[in-house]
Amino acid sequence: MVFKASVPGLLLLMALVFGWSQGLADTRLGKHTHDEKALQGQRVDGHTHQHDKWESPPPEYASARSTRWDDPAAARRGEPLFQTHCMVCHGTDGRGMGPGAVGLPHAPADLTHHFHRAPGDGNAYLFWRVSEGGQVEPFRSMQSVMPAFKTVLSEDERWDVLAYVHVTFHGGFLPKSVTGEGTVIAVVPASEELVVKHGDIKGFMGPMTMGYRVKPPSLLKPFKAGDSVRFTIDTEEKAIVTIQKLKK
């Protein structure tokens, strides 16, 4: 019980010990950035990070499965656990910008950005990530200071926290495709990307500026910075697959 109560304070201490200058930026995929030079799958409007895919969990977690994704009771049980152990870094809105996130060398994940498409798809990754935190590779090399919650929470409690995250921040399972609207910030043919400042994309992610891969890249040709666009993202391809210019 003493260890549980000390987790938020420990994270805040780590934030101070490992803090970097707010002017630094790491633009590798799966890392975070503080400036306007974001690559695919990264936010450029805040201290957070997103991955362009979920890592494959090790064999000991590969068979982990939950039956609680649509269980309201599990989500209710998970809410106070999230508030106690997770909210200090991931924030009340799950976007990874809680008070404990300030200065961390590897920012907490934005929980509203996910690849959870169906029961069984992503279960093992999510359970592994909560259980081992940043104490295993590749997250240790990324300087993640997320605790290994297998030492703090029971297996049932970890699944309950994930049920709460699924309902509250994932908004359910990810659809096959999603549509958004926004303003083109940059067209980057060399990396086949479109950087867009967009509004909320329901069921996928909130308002932000992001770089997205475009497939096929020929779709980029008619567009320039400043264009207003509507676009469709294929969530399996993790790419924009249609773009339409909107009248201003």
Protein backbone atom coordinates (compact mmCIF):
# COMPACT_ATOMS: atom_id res chain seq x y z
CA MET A 1 0.00 0.00 0.00
CA VAL A 2 2.87 2.37 0.72
CA PHE A 3 4.32 1.77 -2.73
CA LYS A 4 0.96 2.49 -4.41
CA ALA A 5 0.63 5.81 -2.69
CA SER A 6 4.14 6.83 -3.70
CA VAL A 7 3.86 6.17 -7.45
CA PRO A 8 2.60 9.66 -8.48
CA GLY A 9 5.24 11.33 -6.33
CA LEU A 10 7.94 9.07 -7.77
CA LEU A 11 6.91 10.00 -11.30
CA LEU A 12 7.03 13.69 -10.49
CA LEU A 13 10.52 13.25 -9.01
CA MET A 14 11.63 11.41 -12.15
CA ALA A 15 10.26 14.27 -14.24
CA LEU A 16 12.54 16.67 -12.37
CA VAL A 17 15.58 14.40 -12.43
CA PHE A 18 15.35 13.46 -16.10
CA GLY A 19 13.91 16.73 -17.42
CA TRP A 20 15.23 18.09 -20.69
CA SER A 21 15.06 21.56 -22.15
CA GLN A 22 11.68 22.35 -23.75
CA GLY A 23 13.61 23.46 -26.82
CA LEU A 24 14.86 19.98 -27.68
CA ALA A 25 13.12 17.78 -30.22
CA ASP A 26 13.39 14.10 -31.09
CA THR A 27 11.68 13.37 -34.39
CA ARG A 28 12.24 9.62 -34.59
CA LEU A 29 9.07 7.60 -35.09
CA GLY A 30 7.60 6.57 -31.77
CA LYS A 31 9.30 9.46 -29.99
CA HIS A 32 8.03 12.93 -29.24
CA THR A 33 8.72 16.45 -30.41
CA HIS A 34 8.36 20.01 -29.23
CA ASP A 35 8.62 21.84 -32.52
CA GLU A 36 7.02 22.03 -35.97
CA LYS A 37 9.20 19.32 -37.56
CA ALA A 38 7.07 16.29 -36.83
CA LEU A 39 7.14 13.09 -38.84
CA GLN A 40 4.27 10.69 -39.45
CA GLY A 41 2.36 9.76 -36.31
CA GLN A 42 3.64 12.62 -34.17
CA ARG A 43 1.93 15.64 -32.68
CA VAL A 44 3.55 19.03 -33.01
CA ASP A 45 1.26 21.03 -30.73
CA GLY A 46 2.14 19.60 -27.34
CA HIS A 47 4.42 17.40 -25.21
CA THR A 48 3.17 13.93 -26.09
CA HIS A 49 3.92 11.03 -28.38
CA GLN A 50 2.14 8.58 -30.61
CA HIS A 51 3.36 5.48 -32.41
CA ASP A 52 2.69 4.61 -36.05
CA LYS A 53 2.12 1.01 -34.89
CA TRP A 54 2.02 -1.06 -31.74
CA GLU A 55 5.06 -3.17 -30.96
CA SER A 56 4.74 -6.97 -30.91
CA PRO A 57 4.67 -8.22 -27.30
CA PRO A 58 7.04 -10.97 -26.13
CA PRO A 59 5.86 -14.62 -26.12
CA GLU A 60 4.88 -14.60 -22.44
CA TYR A 61 2.24 -11.95 -23.19
CA ALA A 62 1.22 -13.04 -26.70
CA SER A 63 -1.87 -14.95 -25.58
CA ALA A 64 -3.21 -12.26 -23.22
CA ARG A 65 -6.90 -11.63 -23.92
CA SER A 66 -9.69 -9.66 -22.27
CA THR A 67 -13.44 -10.24 -22.13
CA ARG A 68 -14.03 -6.85 -20.49
CA TRP A 69 -13.91 -4.35 -23.35
CA ASP A 70 -17.69 -3.94 -23.36
CA ASP A 71 -18.15 -4.49 -19.61
CA PRO A 72 -19.33 -1.22 -17.95
CA ALA A 73 -18.61 -2.63 -14.48
CA ALA A 74 -14.97 -3.25 -15.40
CA ALA A 75 -14.64 0.31 -16.72
CA ARG A 76 -16.15 1.67 -13.51
CA ARG A 77 -13.67 -0.34 -11.44
CA GLY A 78 -10.85 0.90 -13.64
CA GLU A 79 -11.67 4.60 -13.31
CA PRO A 80 -10.34 5.15 -9.75
CA LEU A 81 -7.29 3.02 -10.58
CA PHE A 82 -6.55 5.25 -13.57
CA GLN A 83 -7.01 8.35 -11.46
CA THR A 84 -4.61 7.04 -8.81
CA HIS A 85 -1.87 5.55 -10.95
CA CYS A 86 -2.10 6.96 -14.47
CA MET A 87 -3.72 10.39 -14.53
CA VAL A 88 -0.68 12.24 -13.15
CA CYS A 89 1.16 11.60 -16.44
CA HIS A 90 -1.53 10.77 -19.00
CA GLY A 91 -3.81 13.59 -17.82
CA THR A 92 -7.55 13.75 -17.25
CA ASP A 93 -8.16 13.69 -21.01
CA GLY A 94 -5.70 10.85 -21.70
CA ARG A 95 -3.58 12.92 -24.08
CA GLY A 96 -0.31 12.45 -22.18
CA MET A 97 0.02 15.97 -20.84
CA GLY A 98 -0.65 15.54 -17.11
CA PRO A 99 1.44 17.45 -14.55
CA GLY A 100 3.81 14.51 -14.09
CA ALA A 101 4.65 14.50 -17.81
CA VAL A 102 6.46 17.83 -17.74
CA GLY A 103 10.14 17.38 -18.57
CA LEU A 104 10.09 13.60 -19.00
CA PRO A 105 12.66 12.44 -21.61
CA HIS A 106 10.03 10.19 -23.22
CA ALA A 107 6.59 11.73 -23.04
CA PRO A 108 3.57 9.64 -22.00
CA ALA A 109 1.47 8.26 -24.84
CA ASP A 110 -1.63 10.01 -26.12
CA LEU A 111 -4.21 7.34 -25.22
CA THR A 112 -6.77 8.75 -27.67
CA HIS A 113 -4.54 7.58 -30.55
CA HIS A 114 -4.73 3.80 -30.87
CA PHE A 115 -4.91 0.76 -33.14
CA HIS A 116 -7.46 -1.28 -31.19
CA ARG A 117 -9.66 -2.57 -34.02
CA ALA A 118 -11.42 -5.60 -32.55
CA PRO A 119 -11.51 -7.90 -29.51
CA GLY A 120 -8.23 -9.80 -29.44
CA ASP A 121 -6.47 -7.29 -31.69
CA GLY A 122 -4.05 -5.34 -29.52
CA ASN A 123 -5.02 -7.02 -26.25
CA ALA A 124 -1.60 -8.54 -25.71
CA TYR A 125 0.24 -5.29 -26.49
CA LEU A 126 -1.90 -3.23 -24.13
CA PHE A 127 -1.59 -5.70 -21.25
CA TRP A 128 2.18 -6.02 -21.79
CA ARG A 129 2.60 -2.25 -21.89
CA VAL A 130 0.70 -1.69 -18.64
CA SER A 131 2.36 -4.65 -16.92
CA GLU A 132 5.99 -3.89 -17.83
CA GLY A 133 5.82 -0.13 -18.39
CA GLY A 134 9.07 1.40 -19.55
CA GLN A 135 11.24 -1.21 -17.86
CA VAL A 136 11.61 -3.38 -20.99
CA GLU A 137 12.82 -2.84 -24.54
CA PRO A 138 12.23 -0.99 -26.76
CA PHE A 139 10.74 1.45 -24.25
CA ARG A 140 13.73 1.45 -21.89
CA SER A 141 16.01 2.69 -24.68
CA MET A 142 13.44 5.42 -25.41
CA GLN A 143 13.99 6.55 -21.78
CA SER A 144 10.41 5.80 -20.73
CA VAL A 145 10.00 6.03 -16.96
CA MET A 146 6.58 4.39 -16.87
CA PRO A 147 6.42 2.01 -13.87
CA ALA A 148 5.88 -1.72 -14.28
CA PHE A 149 2.35 -1.93 -12.93
CA LYS A 150 2.53 -5.71 -12.53
CA THR A 151 4.25 -4.88 -9.22
CA VAL A 152 1.45 -2.52 -8.17
CA LEU A 153 -1.83 -3.80 -9.65
CA SER A 154 -3.25 -7.31 -9.83
CA GLU A 155 -3.98 -8.89 -13.22
CA ASP A 156 -7.69 -8.12 -12.79
CA GLU A 157 -6.94 -4.50 -11.89
CA ARG A 158 -4.76 -4.06 -14.97
CA TRP A 159 -7.53 -5.35 -17.24
CA ASP A 160 -10.02 -3.05 -15.48
CA VAL A 161 -7.79 -0.02 -16.10
CA LEU A 162 -7.56 -1.01 -19.75
CA ALA A 163 -11.35 -1.36 -19.94
CA TYR A 164 -11.65 2.21 -18.65
CA VAL A 165 -9.06 3.46 -21.17
CA HIS A 166 -10.87 1.63 -23.98
CA VAL A 167 -14.25 3.19 -23.18
CA THR A 168 -13.08 6.66 -22.15
CA PHE A 169 -10.13 7.43 -24.43
CA HIS A 170 -10.26 4.90 -27.28
CA GLY A 171 -13.98 5.48 -27.64
CA GLY A 172 -14.46 1.83 -28.53
CA PHE A 173 -12.83 -0.16 -31.33
CA LEU A 174 -11.17 1.63 -34.24
CA PRO A 175 -13.21 1.73 -37.48
CA LYS A 176 -11.73 0.63 -40.82
CA SER A 177 -11.56 4.23 -42.01
CA VAL A 178 -12.08 7.72 -40.60
CA THR A 179 -12.62 11.12 -42.21
CA GLY A 180 -11.25 14.50 -41.14
CA GLU A 181 -11.05 18.09 -42.32
CA GLY A 182 -8.27 20.60 -41.89
CA THR A 183 -5.66 22.90 -43.40
CA VAL A 184 -2.55 21.71 -45.21
CA ILE A 185 0.58 22.88 -43.40
CA ALA A 186 3.10 21.21 -45.71
CA VAL A 187 3.32 18.81 -48.64
CA VAL A 188 6.39 16.54 -48.35
CA PRO A 189 6.83 14.44 -51.53
CA ALA A 190 10.19 13.05 -50.41
CA SER A 191 8.55 11.16 -47.54
CA GLU A 192 5.14 10.85 -49.26
CA GLU A 193 3.51 12.80 -46.43
CA LEU A 194 0.93 15.49 -45.92
CA VAL A 195 1.13 17.61 -42.77
CA VAL A 196 -2.38 18.72 -41.78
CA LYS A 197 -3.77 20.82 -38.96
CA HIS A 198 -7.13 19.15 -38.43
CA GLY A 199 -10.06 19.19 -36.09
CA ASP A 200 -11.45 16.28 -34.09
CA ILE A 201 -11.59 12.98 -36.00
CA LYS A 202 -14.32 11.11 -34.20
CA GLY A 203 -13.26 7.68 -33.01
CA PHE A 204 -9.63 8.26 -33.98
CA MET A 205 -7.95 11.34 -32.47
CA GLY A 206 -8.55 14.88 -31.30
CA PRO A 207 -7.59 18.20 -32.94
CA MET A 208 -3.88 18.43 -33.74
CA THR A 209 -1.23 19.01 -36.41
CA MET A 210 0.04 15.71 -37.79
CA GLY A 211 2.10 14.32 -40.65
CA TYR A 212 0.35 11.46 -42.48
CA ARG A 213 1.65 9.07 -45.12
CA VAL A 214 -0.36 9.39 -48.36
CA LYS A 215 -1.14 6.32 -50.47
CA PRO A 216 -0.76 6.55 -53.41
CA PRO A 217 1.69 9.48 -53.21
CA SER A 218 0.35 10.87 -56.50
CA LEU A 219 -2.57 12.22 -54.46
CA LEU A 220 -0.22 14.91 -53.12
CA LYS A 221 0.31 16.66 -56.49
CA PRO A 222 -2.66 19.09 -56.55
CA PHE A 223 -2.16 20.36 -52.98
CA LYS A 224 -0.14 23.11 -51.36
CA ALA A 225 0.21 24.72 -47.95
CA GLY A 226 -2.90 26.64 -46.97
CA ASP A 227 -5.39 24.42 -48.82
CA SER A 228 -8.51 23.39 -46.93
CA VAL A 229 -9.04 19.65 -47.35
CA ARG A 230 -11.22 16.71 -46.41
CA PHE A 231 -9.33 13.42 -46.18
CA THR A 232 -9.94 9.76 -45.42
CA ILE A 233 -7.49 7.69 -43.39
CA ASP A 234 -7.35 3.92 -43.80
CA THR A 235 -6.64 2.86 -40.22
CA GLU A 236 -5.07 -0.45 -41.26
CA GLU A 237 -2.78 1.14 -43.85
CA LYS A 238 -2.20 4.05 -41.45
CA ALA A 239 -2.35 6.36 -44.45
CA ILE A 240 -4.50 8.99 -46.14
CA VAL A 241 -6.16 7.28 -49.10
CA THR A 242 -8.44 10.05 -50.41
CA ILE A 243 -8.09 13.86 -50.34
CA GLN A 244 -10.57 16.48 -51.49
CA LYS A 245 -9.93 20.22 -51.72
CA LEU A 246 -12.61 22.28 -50.01
CA LYS A 247 -13.77 25.73 -51.01
CA LYS A 248 -12.75 28.41 -48.52
